Every structure is written in C-alpha cells, then in structure tokens.
Amino acid sequence: MAYLDLPLGGGPTPNGGSPVAYFPQAGVRVGDRGRPAPLGQDIASHLQIPVFRELDTAIDAQHAALWCHMRPAGPPSFTRSLLGELLAMHRAIANQTGSGLRYFIGASRLPGIFNLGGDLVYFVDSIRTGDRERLRNYAIDCCKVAHAMASGFGTPVVTIALVQGDALGGGFEGALSFQVLVAEKNAKLGLPEVLFNLFPGMGAYSLLARKVGAVQAQRMIMSGKVYTGKELYELGVVDILAEDGDGEAEVRRFMAGGAARYRVHHALKRVAQRYDPLTLEELCDITDIWVDTAMQLEDSDLRKMERLAQAQHRRLQRT
C-alpha cells in the first residue's frame, strides 16, 4: 500500500536550507509554508494538499484516494478551527480537478470518537450574548462542508465516511453528508439535540430523508436515540457495515477494482444527485430555521448544553 503521510510540522532537511518533510521513496517534499511539491509520477501527481494542524492527510496511490483523519486540537467536535481547515481542504481539492483523485475518505484519529458534534460552548456563548449572526456564520460553514462532501467537492471524487467510534449530533450529520457511509458494527451514531429542545440543523433532515424517507427521518430526530452501526445498516442509513476494527480494510475493499469500478461508483452518485438534488440553498434555508430556534432556547436548555460540553471534555481527557 503506497501511503504518503503529510505531517503537521517540518521534517528533516536532506540538503540543508528550509525545513521540509521529505519522503525519498516517493520523491515528495513539503515546504515549510505548507505547500507540497508535486507527488512525482503517481496517480495523484498533480494533487497538492496543504499541511493542516487538525487534519492528517495521506495519499493512497494504489486506489487514487486521499485519506483525511480529523485530529482536533481542542474538543472532539466541529470547532471553528476544524471547520476552517475542512473548508480549506474543499478548496484545495476543488481547484485541482486534473489530479486524478478518485476517492476521499474522512475518518478520525481519536480512539472511539469520530466526532461529537457542534461546538456547544460556542453555541451557548452566542445565544447568551444574543449574537445571531455569529451563530449563523458557524452554521453556514457547517452547511458548506456538508454540501462539499455530498457533492464530491464539485468534482468527480467519491467521498467516503469511515465511522469507527461515536458520531453524535453534528458528528452524525457530518458522516451522513458523505456519499458513502461506512461504519463499524458497534460504532454509536445518533442525534441527541432534542434533549436540550433543539434539532440537528446542518443537514440531518435533508440527508436522512433522502436515505430512509421523511417520516423515518423525523422519527429518528425526535427520538434522540443513539444507534449502533449495525442498526443503522439495517435501516438503510449506513451503506457498508464493517466488523469492529475492520473499517479501513472494508473501505479498501470498496475501492478495489480500479478505474472501471470507480466509474460505476461515480456514475451512481451522479444519478442520485440528478434524481434528488441536494443544494447548498436547501441546507442554508434549513439552518436559518435552526438558528432562529436556537436563539429562543431557555437558560435550562443552555445549562444542559454546558453539562454535555463538560462531559465531552472529560471524555476527551480519558481518550
């Protein structure tokens, strides 16, 4: 398996001069300003990905795939900084349509955690100070990331989410936004926002309704239930079910088959988008309703959000 890991900092300096990360087996050099040099003669020879602080990236040349693992510096949620890097990733891929990239896999480096959702501390602060625009800007960025994944960055790339741990609230929404959702059997996925009298407003309804119908989507949202990967596979939400610990291997099996199999995957994603298009406008219109609802939460609801944020912090410390 040909992997080219792009680290978060500078590396050795084989010939002196500015710090670079150097991979002699692939002829890759990453400059100290985070601008990778061309990747030699492999399938992604024209793909240039910046060096990120909270995203680990690696090229899988065998499958013409880019693996992207979240490694948040703060809470295991979609903070402003993590969202910013995901948007930068979107721009980097969208601007390089001739790279030959076929697959993009989103996963997590945190053991037992995919992503625990929205930045609850940010939410509470925005609501308590009455700053609707601040909250809306965050929500719109979430919608932009979700739409990028659902549309394959507006390129022929097929996006794959790999969930090997908890994906809750916005973390579940994020996983749903990928074109293919792979989950391990005992991964936990759910939408608990109803516990503090809110609903998931950055794509969950739109994405779930397209998979299981509007009635089932509403039931899942209103229940607040946390499901296993196996349960969601049986409901038709998870596309590919993997044994615990076998998620990465299952993704590679999905990508196996070369160019011919990829063309089928990509064609089916185009068919789905033609049959039931998901637009950024739809996501943003719904998130405006979410913002309006969030701004009306009572103090008791905000205290529940704060307790949940504290629980997430303790969970991260244990991890």
Protein backbone atom coordinates (compact mmCIF):
# COMPACT_ATOMS: atom_id res chain seq x y z
CA MET A 1 0.00 0.00 0.00
CA ALA A 2 1.62 3.27 -1.09
CA TYR A 3 0.93 5.90 1.56
CA LEU A 4 2.42 9.36 1.66
CA ASP A 5 1.74 10.91 5.08
CA LEU A 6 1.75 14.68 5.18
CA PRO A 7 2.75 15.60 8.76
CA LEU A 8 1.75 18.64 10.79
CA GLY A 9 5.20 20.17 11.11
CA GLY A 10 8.55 20.48 9.41
CA GLY A 11 10.80 17.48 8.98
CA PRO A 12 14.42 16.78 8.18
CA THR A 13 16.40 18.86 5.74
CA PRO A 14 18.14 16.36 3.42
CA ASN A 15 20.07 19.04 1.52
CA GLY A 16 20.08 21.82 4.08
CA GLY A 17 18.05 25.00 3.76
CA SER A 18 14.43 25.45 4.82
CA PRO A 19 12.77 22.68 6.84
CA VAL A 20 10.81 20.24 4.72
CA ALA A 21 9.12 16.92 5.15
CA TYR A 22 10.92 14.55 2.80
CA PHE A 23 9.83 11.13 1.56
CA PRO A 24 12.65 9.78 -0.64
CA GLN A 25 10.68 6.66 -1.56
CA ALA A 26 8.14 8.85 -3.34
CA GLY A 27 10.14 11.94 -4.18
CA VAL A 28 7.87 14.14 -2.08
CA ARG A 29 8.94 17.36 -0.47
CA VAL A 30 6.63 19.54 1.63
CA GLY A 31 7.85 23.10 2.05
CA ASP A 32 7.89 24.93 5.39
CA ARG A 33 4.96 27.08 4.25
CA GLY A 34 2.71 24.09 3.83
CA ARG A 35 2.83 23.97 0.02
CA PRO A 36 3.64 20.41 -1.08
CA ALA A 37 5.68 19.90 -4.19
CA PRO A 38 4.26 17.63 -6.94
CA LEU A 39 3.90 13.98 -5.93
CA GLY A 40 6.20 12.53 -8.53
CA GLN A 41 4.74 10.23 -11.18
CA ASP A 42 1.95 8.51 -9.20
CA ILE A 43 -1.80 8.73 -9.89
CA ALA A 44 -2.10 11.93 -7.84
CA SER A 45 0.92 13.57 -9.41
CA HIS A 46 -0.76 16.96 -9.61
CA LEU A 47 -2.54 16.93 -6.25
CA GLN A 48 -1.21 19.45 -3.75
CA ILE A 49 -2.67 19.42 -0.24
CA PRO A 50 -1.69 21.99 2.38
CA VAL A 51 -0.29 20.88 5.71
CA PHE A 52 -3.02 21.21 8.34
CA ARG A 53 -2.93 21.38 12.13
CA GLU A 54 -6.08 19.38 12.84
CA LEU A 55 -6.27 17.14 9.77
CA ASP A 56 -3.88 14.30 8.98
CA THR A 57 -3.75 13.58 5.26
CA ALA A 58 -2.29 10.65 3.36
CA ILE A 59 -2.29 9.69 -0.32
CA ASP A 60 -3.19 6.07 -1.14
CA ALA A 61 -1.67 5.86 -4.61
CA GLN A 62 -2.96 2.32 -5.22
CA HIS A 63 -6.58 3.48 -5.09
CA ALA A 64 -6.03 7.14 -6.10
CA ALA A 65 -7.50 8.10 -2.74
CA LEU A 66 -6.91 10.81 -0.17
CA TRP A 67 -7.36 9.75 3.45
CA CYS A 68 -8.17 12.59 5.82
CA HIS A 69 -8.26 11.91 9.57
CA MET A 70 -9.60 14.53 11.96
CA ARG A 71 -7.29 15.20 14.89
CA PRO A 72 -8.87 18.14 16.72
CA ALA A 73 -6.62 20.29 18.87
CA GLY A 74 -9.49 21.07 21.24
CA PRO A 75 -12.86 19.44 21.88
CA PRO A 76 -13.71 16.41 19.70
CA SER A 77 -16.29 18.48 17.85
CA PHE A 78 -16.57 20.79 14.86
CA THR A 79 -14.80 23.83 16.27
CA ARG A 80 -14.28 26.95 14.18
CA SER A 81 -10.67 25.98 13.56
CA LEU A 82 -11.55 22.46 12.39
CA LEU A 83 -14.30 23.81 10.14
CA GLY A 84 -11.83 26.28 8.66
CA GLU A 85 -9.41 23.50 7.77
CA LEU A 86 -12.18 21.37 6.24
CA LEU A 87 -13.22 24.31 4.07
CA ALA A 88 -9.59 24.82 3.04
CA MET A 89 -9.40 21.13 2.15
CA HIS A 90 -12.51 21.55 -0.01
CA ARG A 91 -10.94 24.47 -1.89
CA ALA A 92 -7.66 22.61 -2.39
CA ILE A 93 -9.38 19.61 -3.98
CA ALA A 94 -11.95 21.63 -5.97
CA ASN A 95 -9.16 23.69 -7.55
CA GLN A 96 -7.26 20.61 -8.75
CA THR A 97 -9.73 18.75 -10.93
CA GLY A 98 -6.97 17.23 -13.07
CA SER A 99 -5.21 15.48 -10.18
CA GLY A 100 -6.64 12.03 -10.92
CA LEU A 101 -8.08 11.76 -7.41
CA ARG A 102 -10.93 9.23 -7.23
CA TYR A 103 -11.79 8.83 -3.56
CA PHE A 104 -11.74 10.99 -0.42
CA ILE A 105 -12.07 9.21 2.93
CA GLY A 106 -12.98 11.12 6.08
CA ALA A 107 -12.15 9.45 9.40
CA SER A 108 -10.83 10.25 12.88
CA ARG A 109 -7.59 9.72 14.76
CA LEU A 110 -9.33 9.75 18.17
CA PRO A 111 -9.87 6.22 19.52
CA GLY A 112 -13.58 5.58 19.95
CA ILE A 113 -14.63 9.00 18.65
CA PHE A 114 -15.50 10.08 15.12
CA ASN A 115 -16.89 13.48 16.11
CA LEU A 116 -19.20 14.53 18.93
CA GLY A 117 -20.95 17.32 17.05
CA GLY A 118 -21.28 21.06 17.18
CA ASP A 119 -19.21 23.37 19.34
CA LEU A 120 -21.60 23.60 22.30
CA VAL A 121 -19.56 26.19 24.18
CA TYR A 122 -19.64 28.41 21.09
CA PHE A 123 -23.39 27.86 20.78
CA VAL A 124 -24.09 28.80 24.40
CA ASP A 125 -21.90 31.90 24.23
CA SER A 126 -23.55 33.08 21.01
CA ILE A 127 -27.06 32.53 22.36
CA ARG A 128 -26.41 34.12 25.75
CA THR A 129 -24.94 37.23 24.13
CA GLY A 130 -27.75 37.38 21.55
CA ASP A 131 -25.30 37.22 18.66
CA ARG A 132 -27.45 35.61 15.99
CA GLU A 133 -25.09 36.43 13.14
CA ARG A 134 -22.14 34.78 14.87
CA LEU A 135 -24.15 31.60 15.34
CA ARG A 136 -25.45 31.73 11.78
CA ASN A 137 -21.96 32.13 10.31
CA TYR A 138 -20.89 28.97 12.11
CA ALA A 139 -23.96 27.07 10.89
CA ILE A 140 -23.46 28.22 7.29
CA ASP A 141 -19.85 26.99 7.36
CA CYS A 142 -21.13 23.60 8.54
CA CYS A 143 -23.56 23.55 5.62
CA LYS A 144 -20.76 24.39 3.20
CA VAL A 145 -18.68 21.48 4.48
CA ALA A 146 -21.68 19.13 4.30
CA HIS A 147 -22.51 20.20 0.75
CA ALA A 148 -18.88 19.79 -0.32
CA MET A 149 -18.87 16.19 0.90
CA ALA A 150 -22.29 15.42 -0.58
CA SER A 151 -21.26 16.82 -3.97
CA GLY A 152 -17.79 15.30 -4.03
CA PHE A 153 -16.32 18.83 -3.83
CA GLY A 154 -18.00 19.58 -7.15
CA THR A 155 -15.51 17.18 -8.79
CA PRO A 156 -15.58 13.50 -9.89
CA VAL A 157 -14.32 12.48 -6.42
CA VAL A 158 -16.40 9.91 -4.48
CA THR A 159 -16.48 10.80 -0.76
CA ILE A 160 -16.49 8.07 1.91
CA ALA A 161 -17.03 8.47 5.66
CA LEU A 162 -15.44 5.89 7.94
CA VAL A 163 -17.05 5.84 11.39
CA GLN A 164 -15.18 3.69 13.91
CA GLY A 165 -16.41 5.36 17.10
CA ASP A 166 -19.08 7.76 18.35
CA ALA A 167 -20.64 10.11 15.81
CA LEU A 168 -23.20 12.20 17.65
CA GLY A 169 -25.22 15.27 16.72
CA GLY A 170 -23.26 17.23 14.15
CA GLY A 171 -20.76 14.37 14.03
CA PHE A 172 -23.52 12.11 12.70
CA GLU A 173 -24.64 14.85 10.32
CA GLY A 174 -21.09 15.12 9.06
CA ALA A 175 -20.87 11.37 8.42
CA LEU A 176 -24.26 11.42 6.67
CA SER A 177 -23.05 14.09 4.27
CA PHE A 178 -20.52 11.77 2.63
CA GLN A 179 -21.67 9.93 -0.48
CA VAL A 180 -20.82 6.55 1.06
CA LEU A 181 -21.14 5.87 4.80
CA VAL A 182 -19.04 3.02 6.21
CA ALA A 183 -19.50 2.19 9.89
CA GLU A 184 -18.22 -0.50 12.19
CA LYS A 185 -20.85 -2.67 13.85
CA ASN A 186 -20.67 -1.21 17.34
CA ALA A 187 -20.00 2.40 16.42
CA LYS A 188 -22.54 4.72 18.06
CA LEU A 189 -24.41 7.22 15.90
CA GLY A 190 -27.30 9.45 16.91
CA LEU A 191 -28.92 12.87 17.12
CA PRO A 192 -29.40 13.84 20.79
CA GLU A 193 -30.24 17.53 20.19
CA VAL A 194 -33.86 17.03 21.26
CA LEU A 195 -32.54 16.54 24.83
CA PHE A 196 -31.98 20.30 25.01
CA ASN A 197 -35.03 21.20 22.89
CA LEU A 198 -33.18 21.72 19.64
CA PHE A 199 -32.87 19.74 16.42
CA PRO A 200 -29.90 18.94 14.17
CA GLY A 201 -29.96 21.82 11.69
CA MET A 202 -26.96 21.41 9.40
CA GLY A 203 -28.17 18.68 7.06
CA ALA A 204 -29.53 15.78 9.12
CA TYR A 205 -33.13 16.04 7.96
CA SER A 206 -32.23 16.54 4.29
CA LEU A 207 -29.70 13.72 4.29
CA LEU A 208 -31.72 11.21 6.33
CA ALA A 209 -34.91 11.85 4.36
CA ARG A 210 -33.08 11.01 1.14
CA LYS A 211 -31.96 7.70 2.62
CA VAL A 212 -34.96 6.49 4.65
CA GLY A 213 -37.83 8.89 3.87
CA ALA A 214 -39.14 11.97 5.65
CA VAL A 215 -41.28 10.11 8.21
CA GLN A 216 -38.44 7.89 9.41
CA ALA A 217 -36.03 10.84 9.41
CA GLN A 218 -38.35 12.82 11.68
CA ARG A 219 -38.82 9.85 14.00
CA MET A 220 -35.07 9.42 14.34
CA ILE A 221 -34.55 13.11 15.07
CA MET A 222 -37.39 13.35 17.62
CA SER A 223 -36.38 10.18 19.45
CA GLY A 224 -32.85 11.34 20.26
CA LYS A 225 -31.90 7.65 20.11
CA VAL A 226 -28.31 6.57 19.70
CA TYR A 227 -27.99 3.65 17.25
CA THR A 228 -25.26 1.14 16.57
CA GLY A 229 -23.71 0.89 13.14
CA LYS A 230 -25.46 -2.45 12.70
CA GLU A 231 -28.89 -0.96 13.47
CA LEU A 232 -28.38 1.87 11.01
CA TYR A 233 -27.21 -0.56 8.35
CA GLU A 234 -30.45 -2.48 8.75
CA LEU A 235 -32.39 0.80 8.45
CA GLY A 236 -30.54 1.71 5.25
CA VAL A 237 -28.65 4.67 6.70
CA VAL A 238 -25.22 3.02 6.76
CA ASP A 239 -24.15 1.87 3.28
CA ILE A 240 -21.39 -0.56 4.26
CA LEU A 241 -21.11 -2.37 7.57
CA ALA A 242 -17.70 -3.44 8.85
CA GLU A 243 -16.66 -5.67 11.70
CA ASP A 244 -15.20 -3.78 14.65
CA GLY A 245 -11.61 -2.90 13.84
CA ASP A 246 -12.03 -3.78 10.16
CA GLY A 247 -13.30 -0.41 8.92
CA GLU A 248 -10.21 0.67 7.00
CA ALA A 249 -9.89 -2.70 5.31
CA GLU A 250 -13.58 -2.52 4.33
CA VAL A 251 -13.03 0.88 2.72
CA ARG A 252 -10.12 -0.52 0.72
CA ARG A 253 -12.27 -3.43 -0.42
CA PHE A 254 -14.88 -0.92 -1.58
CA MET A 255 -12.27 0.97 -3.60
CA ALA A 256 -10.74 -2.17 -5.12
CA GLY A 257 -11.42 -2.79 -8.78
CA GLY A 258 -9.53 0.06 -10.39
CA ALA A 259 -10.86 2.60 -12.85
CA ALA A 260 -13.80 0.51 -14.07
CA ARG A 261 -15.26 0.07 -10.58
CA TYR A 262 -14.66 3.73 -9.77
CA ARG A 263 -16.62 4.79 -12.86
CA VAL A 264 -19.63 2.82 -11.57
CA HIS A 265 -19.35 4.41 -8.11
CA HIS A 266 -19.11 7.89 -9.59
CA ALA A 267 -21.94 7.34 -12.05
CA LEU A 268 -24.30 6.18 -9.30
CA LYS A 269 -23.52 9.30 -7.26
CA ARG A 270 -24.37 11.42 -10.31
CA VAL A 271 -27.63 9.50 -10.72
CA ALA A 272 -28.56 10.10 -7.08
CA GLN A 273 -27.85 13.82 -7.37
CA ARG A 274 -29.90 14.04 -10.56
CA TYR A 275 -32.79 12.10 -9.01
CA ASP A 276 -32.95 14.13 -5.80
CA PRO A 277 -30.55 17.10 -5.90
CA LEU A 278 -29.19 18.40 -2.61
CA THR A 279 -28.42 22.10 -2.91
CA LEU A 280 -26.48 24.40 -0.63
CA GLU A 281 -29.51 26.71 -0.69
CA GLU A 282 -31.69 23.98 0.87
CA LEU A 283 -29.15 23.34 3.64
CA CYS A 284 -28.78 27.05 4.40
CA ASP A 285 -32.54 27.69 4.45
CA ILE A 286 -32.98 24.90 6.99
CA THR A 287 -30.07 26.09 9.10
CA ASP A 288 -31.71 29.53 9.31
CA ILE A 289 -34.67 27.82 10.99
CA TRP A 290 -32.20 26.08 13.32
CA VAL A 291 -30.59 29.42 14.23
CA ASP A 292 -33.98 31.01 14.95
CA THR A 293 -34.89 28.05 17.19
CA ALA A 294 -31.53 28.06 18.97
CA MET A 295 -31.79 31.76 19.78
CA GLN A 296 -35.02 31.06 21.67
CA LEU A 297 -33.61 28.35 23.95
CA GLU A 298 -34.18 28.85 27.65
CA ASP A 299 -31.46 29.01 30.26
CA SER A 300 -32.27 25.48 31.44
CA ASP A 301 -31.57 24.21 27.90
CA LEU A 302 -28.28 26.10 27.78
CA ARG A 303 -27.22 24.58 31.09
CA LYS A 304 -27.87 21.12 29.62
CA MET A 305 -25.64 22.02 26.68
CA GLU A 306 -22.92 23.17 29.06
CA ARG A 307 -23.08 19.92 31.02
CA LEU A 308 -22.85 17.96 27.79
CA ALA A 309 -19.83 20.02 26.72
CA GLN A 310 -18.17 19.24 30.07
CA ALA A 311 -18.90 15.54 29.57
CA GLN A 312 -17.29 15.71 26.12
CA HIS A 313 -14.22 17.35 27.65
CA ARG A 314 -13.92 14.60 30.25
CA ARG A 315 -14.34 12.01 27.51
CA LEU A 316 -11.51 13.58 25.53
CA GLN A 317 -9.24 13.59 28.60
CA ARG A 318 -9.86 9.87 29.09
CA THR A 319 -9.16 9.22 25.42
